[in-house]
N, C-alpha and C. Protein backbone atom coordinates (compact mmCIF):
# COMPACT_ATOMS: atom_id res chain seq x y z
N UNK A 1 55.98 97.13 105.03
CA UNK A 1 57.16 97.44 104.25
C UNK A 1 58.64 96.82 104.02
N UNK A 2 59.43 96.72 102.74
CA UNK A 2 60.63 95.95 102.33
C UNK A 2 61.80 96.27 103.11
N UNK A 3 62.00 94.45 103.19
CA UNK A 3 63.13 95.19 104.37
C UNK A 3 64.46 94.38 103.71
N UNK A 4 65.72 95.43 104.60
CA UNK A 4 66.84 95.43 104.29
C UNK A 4 67.20 94.59 103.23
N UNK A 5 66.63 93.66 104.21
CA UNK A 5 67.74 92.16 103.31
C UNK A 5 66.81 91.49 101.93
N UNK A 6 66.27 92.33 101.29
CA UNK A 6 66.17 92.25 99.64
C UNK A 6 66.85 93.40 99.16
N UNK A 7 67.96 92.89 98.77
CA UNK A 7 69.42 93.87 98.07
C UNK A 7 69.77 93.10 97.51
N UNK A 8 70.61 93.46 96.36
CA UNK A 8 71.44 91.82 96.19
C UNK A 8 72.37 93.51 95.50
N UNK A 9 73.75 92.89 96.08
CA UNK A 9 75.42 93.60 95.67
C UNK A 9 75.87 94.00 93.87
N UNK A 10 75.89 94.86 94.25
CA UNK A 10 75.98 95.30 92.77
C UNK A 10 77.48 95.64 92.20
N UNK A 11 78.09 96.50 92.90
CA UNK A 11 79.82 96.92 93.02
C UNK A 11 80.32 96.66 94.04
N UNK A 12 81.42 95.72 93.86
CA UNK A 12 82.55 95.71 94.88
C UNK A 12 83.80 95.92 94.13
N UNK A 13 84.32 97.08 94.86
CA UNK A 13 85.26 97.52 94.08
C UNK A 13 87.00 98.72 94.92
N UNK A 14 88.03 99.38 94.49
CA UNK A 14 88.65 100.30 95.54
C UNK A 14 88.97 101.38 93.94
N UNK A 15 88.87 102.16 94.66
CA UNK A 15 88.99 103.63 94.95
C UNK A 15 90.18 104.02 95.40
N UNK A 16 91.25 104.90 94.30
CA UNK A 16 92.52 104.94 94.79
C UNK A 16 92.78 107.08 94.81
N UNK A 17 92.97 107.42 95.00
CA UNK A 17 93.34 108.78 94.63
C UNK A 17 94.16 108.85 92.77
N UNK A 18 94.61 110.15 92.39
CA UNK A 18 94.52 109.80 90.68
C UNK A 18 96.17 109.07 90.50
N UNK A 19 96.57 107.80 89.50
CA UNK A 19 97.65 107.47 89.28
C UNK A 19 98.81 108.86 89.51
N UNK A 20 99.70 108.14 90.18
CA UNK A 20 100.91 108.81 90.59
C UNK A 20 100.59 110.70 91.00
N UNK A 21 99.08 111.11 91.89
CA UNK A 21 98.90 112.04 92.09
C UNK A 21 99.63 112.25 93.32
N UNK A 22 99.78 111.30 94.13
CA UNK A 22 100.49 111.14 95.74
C UNK A 22 102.01 109.93 95.90
N UNK A 23 102.46 110.61 96.21
CA UNK A 23 104.15 109.39 96.58
C UNK A 23 103.81 109.04 97.67
N UNK A 24 104.69 107.87 97.88
CA UNK A 24 104.50 107.66 99.16
C UNK A 24 104.30 108.25 100.35
N UNK A 25 103.97 107.74 101.75
CA UNK A 25 104.07 108.24 102.39
C UNK A 25 103.78 108.43 103.85
N UNK A 26 105.21 108.58 104.88
CA UNK A 26 104.54 107.66 106.07
C UNK A 26 104.63 109.12 106.74
N UNK A 27 103.44 108.53 108.35
CA UNK A 27 102.69 109.79 108.57
C UNK A 27 103.08 109.30 110.72
N UNK A 28 103.42 110.23 111.46
CA UNK A 28 103.57 109.36 112.67
C UNK A 28 102.82 109.88 113.14
N UNK A 29 102.23 109.34 114.40
CA UNK A 29 100.49 109.54 115.30
C UNK A 29 101.07 110.35 116.11
N UNK A 30 100.27 110.94 116.58
CA UNK A 30 100.24 112.34 116.91
C UNK A 30 100.11 111.78 118.38
N UNK A 31 100.42 112.84 119.97
CA UNK A 31 99.22 111.64 121.12
C UNK A 31 97.71 112.36 121.04
N UNK A 32 97.20 112.88 119.74
CA UNK A 32 95.72 112.87 120.07
C UNK A 32 95.22 111.45 119.58
N UNK A 33 96.52 111.53 118.48
CA UNK A 33 95.81 110.31 117.89
C UNK A 33 95.64 108.14 118.37
N UNK A 34 96.93 108.98 119.24
CA UNK A 34 96.96 107.25 120.02
C UNK A 34 96.52 106.67 121.09
N UNK A 35 96.10 107.63 121.52
CA UNK A 35 95.00 107.12 122.79
C UNK A 35 93.59 106.26 122.08
N UNK A 36 93.11 107.03 120.41
CA UNK A 36 92.59 105.94 119.84
C UNK A 36 93.13 104.69 119.45
N UNK A 37 94.09 104.25 119.64
CA UNK A 37 94.58 102.85 118.72
C UNK A 37 93.55 101.80 119.39
N UNK A 38 92.84 101.79 120.64
CA UNK A 38 91.87 100.09 120.97
C UNK A 38 90.64 100.67 120.38
N UNK A 39 90.20 101.87 119.61
CA UNK A 39 88.82 102.19 119.59
C UNK A 39 88.35 101.24 118.71
N UNK A 40 86.81 101.01 118.51
CA UNK A 40 86.28 100.72 117.66
C UNK A 40 86.53 101.88 115.88
N UNK A 41 85.72 101.45 115.40
CA UNK A 41 85.81 102.23 113.68
C UNK A 41 84.87 103.25 113.95
N UNK A 42 84.58 104.57 113.88
CA UNK A 42 83.43 104.35 113.65
C UNK A 42 82.15 104.72 112.34
N UNK A 43 80.82 105.05 112.45
CA UNK A 43 80.05 104.66 111.20
C UNK A 43 79.14 106.36 110.82
N UNK A 44 79.32 106.56 109.79
CA UNK A 44 78.36 107.90 109.78
C UNK A 44 77.43 107.34 108.59
N UNK A 45 76.30 107.79 108.45
CA UNK A 45 75.04 107.79 107.39
C UNK A 45 74.98 108.60 106.97
N UNK A 46 74.67 109.10 105.40
CA UNK A 46 73.89 110.42 104.92
C UNK A 46 73.06 109.61 103.91
N UNK A 47 72.05 110.40 104.32
CA UNK A 47 70.97 110.62 103.47
C UNK A 47 70.81 111.49 102.50
N UNK A 48 70.37 111.42 100.78
CA UNK A 48 70.30 111.71 99.97
C UNK A 48 68.64 111.69 98.96
N UNK A 49 67.87 112.11 98.77
CA UNK A 49 66.66 112.21 97.97
C UNK A 49 67.82 112.08 96.20
N UNK A 50 67.12 110.89 95.52
CA UNK A 50 67.01 110.30 94.18
C UNK A 50 65.70 109.89 93.78
N UNK A 51 65.32 110.66 92.78
CA UNK A 51 64.01 109.64 92.80
C UNK A 51 64.51 109.21 91.04
N UNK A 52 65.62 108.34 90.46
CA UNK A 52 65.53 107.66 89.42
C UNK A 52 65.29 106.94 89.61
N UNK A 53 65.81 105.66 88.73
CA UNK A 53 65.52 104.61 88.67
C UNK A 53 67.57 103.57 88.86
N UNK A 54 67.65 102.37 88.42
CA UNK A 54 69.01 101.59 88.75
C UNK A 54 69.84 102.43 87.75
N UNK A 55 69.55 102.49 86.41
CA UNK A 55 69.82 102.21 85.24
C UNK A 55 71.02 104.03 85.16
N UNK A 56 70.01 104.54 85.68
CA UNK A 56 70.27 105.91 85.50
C UNK A 56 71.78 106.40 86.69
N UNK A 57 71.05 105.24 87.80
CA UNK A 57 72.23 105.64 89.09
C UNK A 57 73.69 105.11 88.13
N UNK A 58 73.63 103.40 88.03
CA UNK A 58 74.50 102.85 86.67
C UNK A 58 75.26 103.46 86.12
N UNK A 59 74.71 104.25 85.21
CA UNK A 59 75.15 104.85 83.61
C UNK A 59 75.73 106.36 84.76
N UNK A 60 75.34 107.35 85.58
CA UNK A 60 75.96 108.55 85.66
C UNK A 60 76.33 109.19 86.60
N UNK A 61 75.28 108.27 87.18
CA UNK A 61 75.34 108.94 89.02
C UNK A 61 77.01 108.20 89.67
N UNK A 62 76.57 106.89 89.37
CA UNK A 62 77.91 105.74 90.43
C UNK A 62 79.32 106.75 89.10
N UNK A 63 79.79 106.39 88.49
CA UNK A 63 81.23 106.78 87.70
C UNK A 63 81.41 107.90 87.90
N UNK A 64 80.22 109.04 88.53
CA UNK A 64 80.88 110.36 89.09
C UNK A 64 81.30 110.51 90.33
N UNK A 65 80.05 109.34 90.66
CA UNK A 65 80.89 109.51 92.59
C UNK A 65 82.33 108.66 92.28
N UNK A 66 82.84 107.86 92.26
CA UNK A 66 84.08 107.35 92.02
C UNK A 66 84.72 108.44 91.47
N UNK A 67 84.78 109.61 90.80
CA UNK A 67 85.81 110.08 90.35
C UNK A 67 85.79 111.35 91.05
N UNK A 68 84.53 111.93 91.57
CA UNK A 68 85.07 112.53 92.71
C UNK A 68 85.56 112.37 93.63
N UNK A 69 85.97 110.85 93.76
CA UNK A 69 85.89 110.47 95.52
C UNK A 69 87.60 109.82 95.49
N UNK A 70 88.03 110.07 93.97
CA UNK A 70 89.11 109.68 93.89
C UNK A 70 89.66 111.15 93.95
N UNK A 71 89.55 112.33 93.56
CA UNK A 71 90.38 113.27 93.42
C UNK A 71 90.10 114.00 95.17
N UNK A 72 88.90 113.30 95.58
CA UNK A 72 89.03 114.25 97.36
C UNK A 72 90.17 113.09 98.91
N UNK A 73 90.57 111.91 97.71
CA UNK A 73 91.21 110.96 98.52
C UNK A 73 92.49 111.47 97.91
N UNK A 74 92.74 112.32 97.01
CA UNK A 74 94.18 112.85 96.11
C UNK A 74 94.49 114.20 97.17
N UNK A 75 93.43 114.81 97.87
CA UNK A 75 93.67 115.35 99.43
C UNK A 75 93.38 114.68 100.84
N UNK A 76 93.45 114.03 100.95
CA UNK A 76 92.99 113.08 101.60
C UNK A 76 93.34 111.95 101.53
N UNK A 77 95.15 111.73 101.61
CA UNK A 77 95.38 110.81 101.40
C UNK A 77 95.56 109.64 101.83
N UNK A 78 95.53 110.10 102.89
CA UNK A 78 96.27 109.19 104.29
C UNK A 78 94.86 108.07 104.84
N UNK A 79 93.24 108.33 103.77
CA UNK A 79 92.54 107.57 103.96
C UNK A 79 92.22 106.68 103.09
N UNK A 80 93.03 106.65 102.28
CA UNK A 80 93.42 105.10 101.16
C UNK A 80 94.20 104.58 102.11
N UNK A 81 95.38 105.10 102.64
CA UNK A 81 96.61 104.45 103.71
C UNK A 81 96.14 103.26 104.81
N UNK A 82 96.61 102.78 105.16
CA UNK A 82 97.12 101.79 106.06
C UNK A 82 97.56 102.21 107.20
N UNK A 83 97.03 102.00 108.72
CA UNK A 83 97.17 101.88 109.80
C UNK A 83 98.41 100.63 109.89
N UNK A 84 99.53 100.93 110.29
CA UNK A 84 100.54 100.42 109.78
C UNK A 84 101.17 99.83 111.42
N UNK A 85 101.20 98.53 112.20
CA UNK A 85 101.52 97.54 113.13
C UNK A 85 102.74 97.58 112.86
N UNK A 86 104.71 97.72 113.05
CA UNK A 86 105.88 97.18 113.47
C UNK A 86 105.78 96.74 114.46
N UNK A 87 106.99 95.62 114.53
CA UNK A 87 107.04 94.43 115.71
C UNK A 87 107.53 95.40 116.91
N UNK A 88 107.46 95.40 117.99
CA UNK A 88 107.89 96.66 119.28
C UNK A 88 109.44 96.35 119.49
N UNK A 89 110.12 97.49 119.78
CA UNK A 89 109.28 98.67 120.19
C UNK A 89 108.85 99.76 119.29
N UNK A 90 108.70 99.83 117.86
CA UNK A 90 108.20 100.56 117.07
C UNK A 90 106.64 101.15 116.92
N UNK A 91 106.91 101.83 116.88
CA UNK A 91 104.89 102.83 117.00
C UNK A 91 104.93 102.28 116.06
N UNK A 92 103.16 102.48 116.13
CA UNK A 92 102.04 102.19 114.71
C UNK A 92 102.38 103.54 114.03
N UNK A 93 102.08 103.78 112.80
CA UNK A 93 102.36 104.58 112.16
C UNK A 93 101.31 104.74 111.22
N UNK A 94 100.87 105.80 110.36
CA UNK A 94 99.80 105.58 108.76
C UNK A 94 100.68 105.42 107.79
N UNK A 95 100.65 104.61 107.33
CA UNK A 95 101.00 104.76 105.36
C UNK A 95 100.60 104.80 103.85
N UNK A 96 100.74 105.91 103.70
CA UNK A 96 100.03 105.16 102.61
C UNK A 96 100.79 105.32 101.27
N UNK A 97 100.91 103.87 100.52
CA UNK A 97 101.73 103.47 99.32
C UNK A 97 101.21 103.94 98.08
N UNK A 98 101.60 103.86 97.62
CA UNK A 98 101.23 103.98 95.88
C UNK A 98 100.00 103.37 95.18
N UNK A 99 99.01 103.67 95.14
CA UNK A 99 98.42 102.49 94.43
C UNK A 99 97.24 101.54 96.12
N UNK A 100 97.50 102.03 96.98
CA UNK A 100 95.91 102.05 97.58
C UNK A 100 94.84 102.73 97.74
N UNK A 101 93.59 101.99 98.65
CA UNK A 101 92.74 102.52 98.54
C UNK A 101 91.59 102.50 99.26
N UNK A 102 90.12 103.03 98.98
CA UNK A 102 90.00 102.38 100.13
C UNK A 102 88.53 101.71 99.39
N UNK A 103 88.36 100.77 100.52
CA UNK A 103 87.09 99.57 99.87
C UNK A 103 85.55 100.51 99.64
N UNK A 104 85.48 100.35 98.45
CA UNK A 104 84.01 101.19 97.96
C UNK A 104 83.04 99.92 97.43
N UNK A 105 81.84 99.58 98.72
CA UNK A 105 80.98 99.13 97.79
C UNK A 105 79.42 99.57 97.77
N UNK A 106 79.01 98.70 96.99
CA UNK A 106 77.57 99.75 95.60
C UNK A 106 76.52 98.77 96.25
N UNK A 107 75.14 98.87 96.74
CA UNK A 107 73.97 98.21 97.09
C UNK A 107 73.41 98.77 96.72
N UNK A 108 72.13 98.09 96.50
CA UNK A 108 70.49 98.26 95.63
C UNK A 108 69.74 97.44 97.04
N UNK A 109 68.84 98.30 97.60
CA UNK A 109 67.84 97.60 98.45
C UNK A 109 66.40 97.99 98.75
N UNK A 110 65.84 97.20 98.75
CA UNK A 110 64.10 97.71 97.87
C UNK A 110 63.23 98.00 99.42
N UNK A 111 64.46 98.65 100.46
CA UNK A 111 63.25 99.17 101.67
C UNK A 111 63.15 100.68 101.66
N UNK A 112 62.19 100.83 102.80
CA UNK A 112 61.10 102.06 102.79
C UNK A 112 62.26 103.50 102.79
N UNK A 113 62.88 104.22 102.03
CA UNK A 113 64.22 105.17 102.11
C UNK A 113 63.89 106.06 102.88
N UNK A 114 62.51 106.35 102.89
CA UNK A 114 61.46 107.46 103.76
C UNK A 114 61.62 107.38 105.22
N UNK A 115 61.39 106.01 105.45
CA UNK A 115 61.43 105.71 107.43
C UNK A 115 62.69 105.38 107.60
N UNK A 116 64.23 105.07 106.68
CA UNK A 116 65.22 105.35 107.16
C UNK A 116 66.19 107.03 107.29
N UNK A 117 65.00 107.41 106.44
CA UNK A 117 65.99 108.81 107.01
C UNK A 117 65.58 109.85 107.24
N UNK A 118 63.74 108.77 107.95
CA UNK A 118 62.96 110.12 108.06
C UNK A 118 63.79 110.46 110.00
N UNK A 119 63.00 111.61 110.40
CA UNK A 119 62.95 112.25 111.84
C UNK A 119 62.76 111.39 112.89
N UNK A 120 62.30 110.28 113.33
CA UNK A 120 61.56 109.36 114.38
C UNK A 120 62.42 108.47 114.38
N UNK A 121 62.31 107.64 115.83
CA UNK A 121 62.99 106.42 116.53
C UNK A 121 62.90 105.12 115.30
N UNK A 122 64.23 104.44 115.17
CA UNK A 122 64.63 103.55 114.19
C UNK A 122 64.72 102.76 114.95
N UNK A 123 64.97 101.43 114.98
CA UNK A 123 66.36 100.12 116.02
C UNK A 123 67.59 100.16 114.71
N UNK A 124 68.48 100.41 115.99
CA UNK A 124 69.48 100.31 115.10
C UNK A 124 69.78 99.17 114.25
N UNK A 125 69.33 98.94 114.16
CA UNK A 125 69.88 96.76 113.43
C UNK A 125 69.06 97.17 111.79
N UNK A 126 68.06 98.17 112.05
CA UNK A 126 67.49 98.69 110.75
C UNK A 126 69.10 99.07 109.79
N UNK A 127 69.71 99.84 110.05
CA UNK A 127 70.97 100.49 109.24
C UNK A 127 72.10 99.07 108.70
N UNK A 128 72.47 98.48 109.36
CA UNK A 128 73.31 97.52 109.62
C UNK A 128 74.45 97.14 108.32
N UNK A 129 72.67 96.89 107.25
CA UNK A 129 73.09 96.28 106.37
C UNK A 129 73.59 97.42 104.86
N UNK A 130 73.58 98.44 105.35
CA UNK A 130 73.85 99.85 104.19
C UNK A 130 75.04 100.60 105.08
N UNK A 131 76.01 100.30 106.32
CA UNK A 131 77.13 100.13 106.74
C UNK A 131 77.94 99.76 106.31
N UNK A 132 78.90 100.31 105.62
CA UNK A 132 80.11 99.55 105.37
C UNK A 132 80.82 98.96 106.90
N UNK A 133 81.57 97.66 106.89
CA UNK A 133 82.43 97.47 107.64
C UNK A 133 83.93 97.50 107.22
N UNK A 134 85.20 98.33 108.04
CA UNK A 134 86.52 97.75 107.78
C UNK A 134 87.15 96.78 107.64
N UNK A 135 87.65 96.02 106.64
CA UNK A 135 88.23 94.68 106.31
C UNK A 135 88.95 94.66 107.67
N UNK A 136 89.51 93.16 107.44
CA UNK A 136 90.39 93.50 109.47
C UNK A 136 91.94 93.61 109.16
N UNK A 137 93.05 93.86 109.87
CA UNK A 137 93.91 93.44 110.13
C UNK A 137 94.70 92.28 109.19
N UNK A 138 95.78 92.98 108.35
CA UNK A 138 96.00 91.82 107.89
C UNK A 138 98.19 91.65 108.20
N UNK A 139 98.21 90.18 108.32
CA UNK A 139 99.65 90.45 108.19
C UNK A 139 100.81 90.15 106.77
N UNK A 140 101.09 91.07 107.40
CA UNK A 140 102.74 90.56 106.00
C UNK A 140 103.60 91.26 106.45
N UNK A 141 104.85 90.15 105.70
CA UNK A 141 106.21 90.12 105.97
C UNK A 141 107.04 91.42 105.20
N UNK A 142 107.69 91.57 105.95
CA UNK A 142 109.29 93.19 104.86
C UNK A 142 110.64 92.79 105.25
N UNK A 143 111.11 93.08 104.98
CA UNK A 143 112.43 93.27 105.43
C UNK A 143 113.27 93.30 106.89
N UNK A 144 112.40 94.17 107.49
CA UNK A 144 112.40 93.72 108.39
C UNK A 144 111.48 93.25 109.87
N UNK A 145 110.67 92.39 109.00
CA UNK A 145 110.32 91.65 109.94
C UNK A 145 108.52 91.43 109.55
N UNK A 146 108.11 91.35 110.68
CA UNK A 146 106.27 90.54 110.57
C UNK A 146 105.94 92.39 110.63
N UNK A 147 104.43 92.46 109.60
CA UNK A 147 103.53 94.00 110.30
C UNK A 147 102.16 93.59 110.32
N UNK A 148 101.74 94.58 110.52
CA UNK A 148 100.40 94.17 110.69
C UNK A 148 99.83 95.30 109.77
N UNK A 149 98.89 95.35 108.86
CA UNK A 149 98.15 96.28 108.31
C UNK A 149 96.91 97.05 108.62
N UNK A 150 96.26 98.01 109.11
CA UNK A 150 94.80 97.96 109.12
C UNK A 150 94.24 99.08 108.04
N UNK A 151 93.22 98.89 106.74
CA UNK A 151 92.85 99.95 106.64
C UNK A 151 92.18 101.15 107.04
N UNK A 152 92.02 101.82 106.92
CA UNK A 152 91.77 103.36 107.55
C UNK A 152 89.99 103.14 107.43
N UNK A 153 89.62 103.11 105.89
CA UNK A 153 88.29 103.90 106.23
C UNK A 153 87.98 103.10 104.80
N UNK A 154 86.45 102.71 104.83
CA UNK A 154 85.68 102.12 103.87
C UNK A 154 84.30 102.94 103.83
N UNK A 155 83.59 102.63 102.48
CA UNK A 155 82.30 103.70 102.31
C UNK A 155 81.35 102.75 101.14
N UNK A 156 80.02 103.08 101.56
CA UNK A 156 79.32 102.20 100.97
C UNK A 156 78.25 103.31 100.42
N UNK A 157 77.88 102.81 99.47
CA UNK A 157 76.98 103.64 98.53
C UNK A 157 75.70 102.66 98.04
N UNK A 158 73.89 103.05 99.03
CA UNK A 158 73.00 102.50 98.71
C UNK A 158 72.08 102.81 97.85
N UNK A 159 71.67 102.22 96.94
CA UNK A 159 70.69 103.27 96.05
C UNK A 159 69.37 102.07 96.44
N UNK A 160 67.84 102.98 96.72
CA UNK A 160 66.68 102.62 96.63
C UNK A 160 66.00 103.30 95.43
N UNK A 161 66.18 102.57 94.32
CA UNK A 161 65.90 102.82 93.66
C UNK A 161 64.91 104.26 92.95
N UNK A 162 64.42 104.93 92.48
CA UNK A 162 63.46 106.12 92.20
C UNK A 162 62.77 106.58 93.83
N UNK A 163 64.32 106.57 94.94
CA UNK A 163 63.60 107.25 95.90
C UNK A 163 64.86 107.66 96.54
N UNK A 164 66.41 107.22 96.74
CA UNK A 164 66.83 107.78 97.20
C UNK A 164 68.47 107.10 97.55
N UNK A 165 69.48 107.80 98.08
CA UNK A 165 70.87 107.29 98.16
C UNK A 165 71.60 107.66 99.41
N UNK A 166 71.83 106.42 100.32
CA UNK A 166 72.85 106.56 101.44
C UNK A 166 74.31 106.45 101.44
N UNK A 167 75.10 106.44 102.09
CA UNK A 167 76.42 107.00 102.13
C UNK A 167 76.98 106.61 103.15
N UNK A 168 77.25 105.63 103.60
CA UNK A 168 77.87 104.90 104.98
C UNK A 168 78.86 104.67 104.97
N UNK A 169 80.00 105.49 106.02
CA UNK A 169 81.59 105.36 105.49
C UNK A 169 81.94 104.86 107.05
N UNK A 170 82.82 103.75 106.75
CA UNK A 170 83.21 103.09 108.20
C UNK A 170 84.95 104.04 108.35
N UNK A 171 85.29 104.02 109.23
CA UNK A 171 86.54 105.38 109.74
C UNK A 171 87.01 105.49 111.47
N UNK A 172 88.62 104.56 110.61
CA UNK A 172 89.00 104.44 111.71
C UNK A 172 89.56 105.27 112.22
N UNK A 173 88.96 105.64 114.20
CA UNK A 173 89.53 107.01 114.49
C UNK A 173 90.74 108.29 114.89
N UNK A 174 91.68 106.69 114.78
CA UNK A 174 93.39 107.26 114.59
C UNK A 174 93.55 108.19 113.72
N UNK A 175 93.16 107.79 112.54
CA UNK A 175 93.15 108.88 111.53
C UNK A 175 92.80 109.96 111.29
N UNK A 176 91.63 111.09 112.63
CA UNK A 176 90.59 111.86 112.39
C UNK A 176 89.88 111.52 112.97
N UNK A 177 89.48 112.81 113.14
CA UNK A 177 88.00 112.46 114.18
C UNK A 177 86.84 113.35 113.14
N UNK A 178 85.62 113.37 114.17
CA UNK A 178 84.35 114.07 114.03
C UNK A 178 84.77 114.81 112.21
N UNK A 179 84.91 116.18 112.73
CA UNK A 179 85.37 117.26 112.41
C UNK A 179 86.34 117.18 110.91
N UNK A 180 87.38 115.86 111.18
CA UNK A 180 87.77 115.60 109.94
C UNK A 180 87.31 114.90 109.37
N UNK A 181 86.32 113.56 109.31
CA UNK A 181 84.96 113.30 108.68
C UNK A 181 84.71 114.23 108.07
N UNK A 182 84.00 114.98 109.07
CA UNK A 182 82.98 116.06 108.00
C UNK A 182 83.27 117.00 106.62
N UNK A 183 85.30 117.50 107.45
CA UNK A 183 85.82 118.08 106.21
C UNK A 183 86.03 117.05 105.40
N UNK A 184 86.64 116.06 105.06
CA UNK A 184 86.20 115.38 104.12
C UNK A 184 85.27 114.97 103.20
N UNK A 185 83.91 114.45 103.61
CA UNK A 185 82.42 114.75 103.57
C UNK A 185 82.29 116.40 102.35
N UNK A 186 82.40 117.00 103.19
CA UNK A 186 82.27 118.41 102.21
C UNK A 186 82.88 118.25 101.55
N UNK A 187 84.21 118.03 101.58
CA UNK A 187 84.79 118.56 100.35
C UNK A 187 84.18 117.31 99.19
N UNK A 188 84.11 116.38 99.27
CA UNK A 188 83.77 115.18 98.05
C UNK A 188 82.70 115.74 97.38
N UNK A 189 81.33 116.27 99.08
CA UNK A 189 80.18 116.63 98.09
C UNK A 189 80.39 118.04 97.07
N UNK A 190 81.31 118.29 97.05
CA UNK A 190 81.79 120.00 96.52
C UNK A 190 82.56 119.50 95.48
N UNK A 191 83.39 118.71 95.11
CA UNK A 191 84.07 118.25 94.00
C UNK A 191 82.79 118.19 92.68
N UNK A 192 82.03 116.47 93.60
CA UNK A 192 81.00 116.23 92.59
C UNK A 192 80.47 117.00 92.47
N UNK A 193 79.40 117.89 93.02
CA UNK A 193 78.73 119.08 92.85
C UNK A 193 79.46 119.80 91.49
N UNK A 194 80.49 120.20 91.45
CA UNK A 194 81.18 121.41 90.09
C UNK A 194 81.80 120.37 89.82
N UNK A 195 81.91 118.83 89.74
CA UNK A 195 82.37 118.00 88.09
C UNK A 195 83.50 117.77 88.00
N UNK A 196 83.86 117.59 89.05
CA UNK A 196 85.75 117.00 89.37
C UNK A 196 86.06 119.02 89.47
N UNK A 197 86.09 120.19 89.66
CA UNK A 197 86.62 120.60 89.60
C UNK A 197 86.91 121.41 91.03
N UNK A 198 88.51 120.91 90.77
CA UNK A 198 88.78 121.24 92.29
C UNK A 198 89.14 122.92 92.89
N UNK A 199 88.70 123.45 91.67
CA UNK A 199 89.46 124.62 93.16
C UNK A 199 87.61 125.45 93.66
N UNK A 200 86.71 124.46 93.73
CA UNK A 200 85.62 124.79 94.49
C UNK A 200 85.78 124.54 96.13
N UNK A 201 86.64 123.85 96.53
CA UNK A 201 86.95 124.06 98.04
C UNK A 201 87.30 125.23 98.63
N UNK A 202 86.60 125.25 98.89
CA UNK A 202 86.79 127.46 99.75
C UNK A 202 87.45 126.95 101.16
N UNK A 203 86.91 125.08 102.14
CA UNK A 203 87.47 125.36 103.46
C UNK A 203 89.17 125.22 102.99
N UNK A 204 90.25 125.36 103.76
CA UNK A 204 91.08 124.62 103.94
C UNK A 204 91.78 123.40 103.80
N UNK A 205 92.75 122.50 102.89
CA UNK A 205 93.08 122.20 102.68
C UNK A 205 94.00 120.83 103.85
N UNK A 206 93.01 119.40 104.39
CA UNK A 206 94.48 119.63 105.21
C UNK A 206 95.78 119.56 104.98
N UNK A 207 96.38 120.12 106.14
CA UNK A 207 97.81 120.01 106.25
C UNK A 207 98.52 118.93 107.07
N UNK A 208 98.98 117.64 105.98
CA UNK A 208 99.59 115.56 106.47
C UNK A 208 101.21 116.52 106.85
N UNK A 209 101.96 117.59 106.50
CA UNK A 209 103.33 117.74 106.08
C UNK A 209 103.83 118.20 107.87
N UNK A 210 103.11 118.79 108.42
CA UNK A 210 103.03 119.63 109.76
C UNK A 210 102.68 119.08 110.72
N UNK A 211 102.73 117.51 111.00
CA UNK A 211 102.63 116.40 112.22
C UNK A 211 103.35 116.55 113.15
N UNK A 212 104.81 116.55 112.78
CA UNK A 212 105.86 116.39 113.75
C UNK A 212 106.42 117.56 114.56
N UNK A 213 105.23 118.69 114.20
CA UNK A 213 105.31 120.02 114.84
C UNK A 213 104.30 119.77 116.25
N UNK A 214 103.90 118.92 116.35
CA UNK A 214 103.14 119.39 117.06
C UNK A 214 103.92 117.94 118.45
N UNK A 215 103.96 118.96 119.49
CA UNK A 215 105.66 118.48 120.72
C UNK A 215 104.17 117.42 121.96
N UNK A 216 104.44 116.53 122.26
CA UNK A 216 104.05 115.95 123.00
C UNK A 216 105.06 116.06 124.20
N UNK A 217 103.92 116.47 125.63
CA UNK A 217 104.80 117.42 126.64
C UNK A 217 104.81 115.63 127.21
């Protein structure tokens, strides 16, 4: 069986919401979010059969995946933003600035797709190279002092030529829980399947404007 080490990097880039579609927005953390400030990002893997060669993926599927992801981020824009740690006594908050993006990696692997996606026990180390890692926090100087900014999401698509595709997601728990991520992935899948038709979204879209209505007793 081929190993995951036998792969080459194809694409490393960033995907943002469509230009001008989302204004700069600051979101306070609720008491549901603050409890996860010290937790590590969680990761999810999704597998899809894809019996096509690399050339077809690069020319057809990859561009549409990026377009549909951009449209999805228009609705879930905080995921393209950053978790900001200002100087004390201010508390952290989520900030989306126009142009912010999600790190988007694309790999090609010669591993056995059926083995990785199968319904049997596998060692967790077999998945490490197809899961994205969030970039570390960086220090930034502002007019009010030094702050730290940490990205909230990273995505990696791994192609197994003529076998399948995996989509790995790294996600900061402060930005949402497992249900939130499932909502995001289902919305992305719907937009991808409909070739960019946003009217295909049946589930209610997230509402980030009413976060301050949650009272912390």
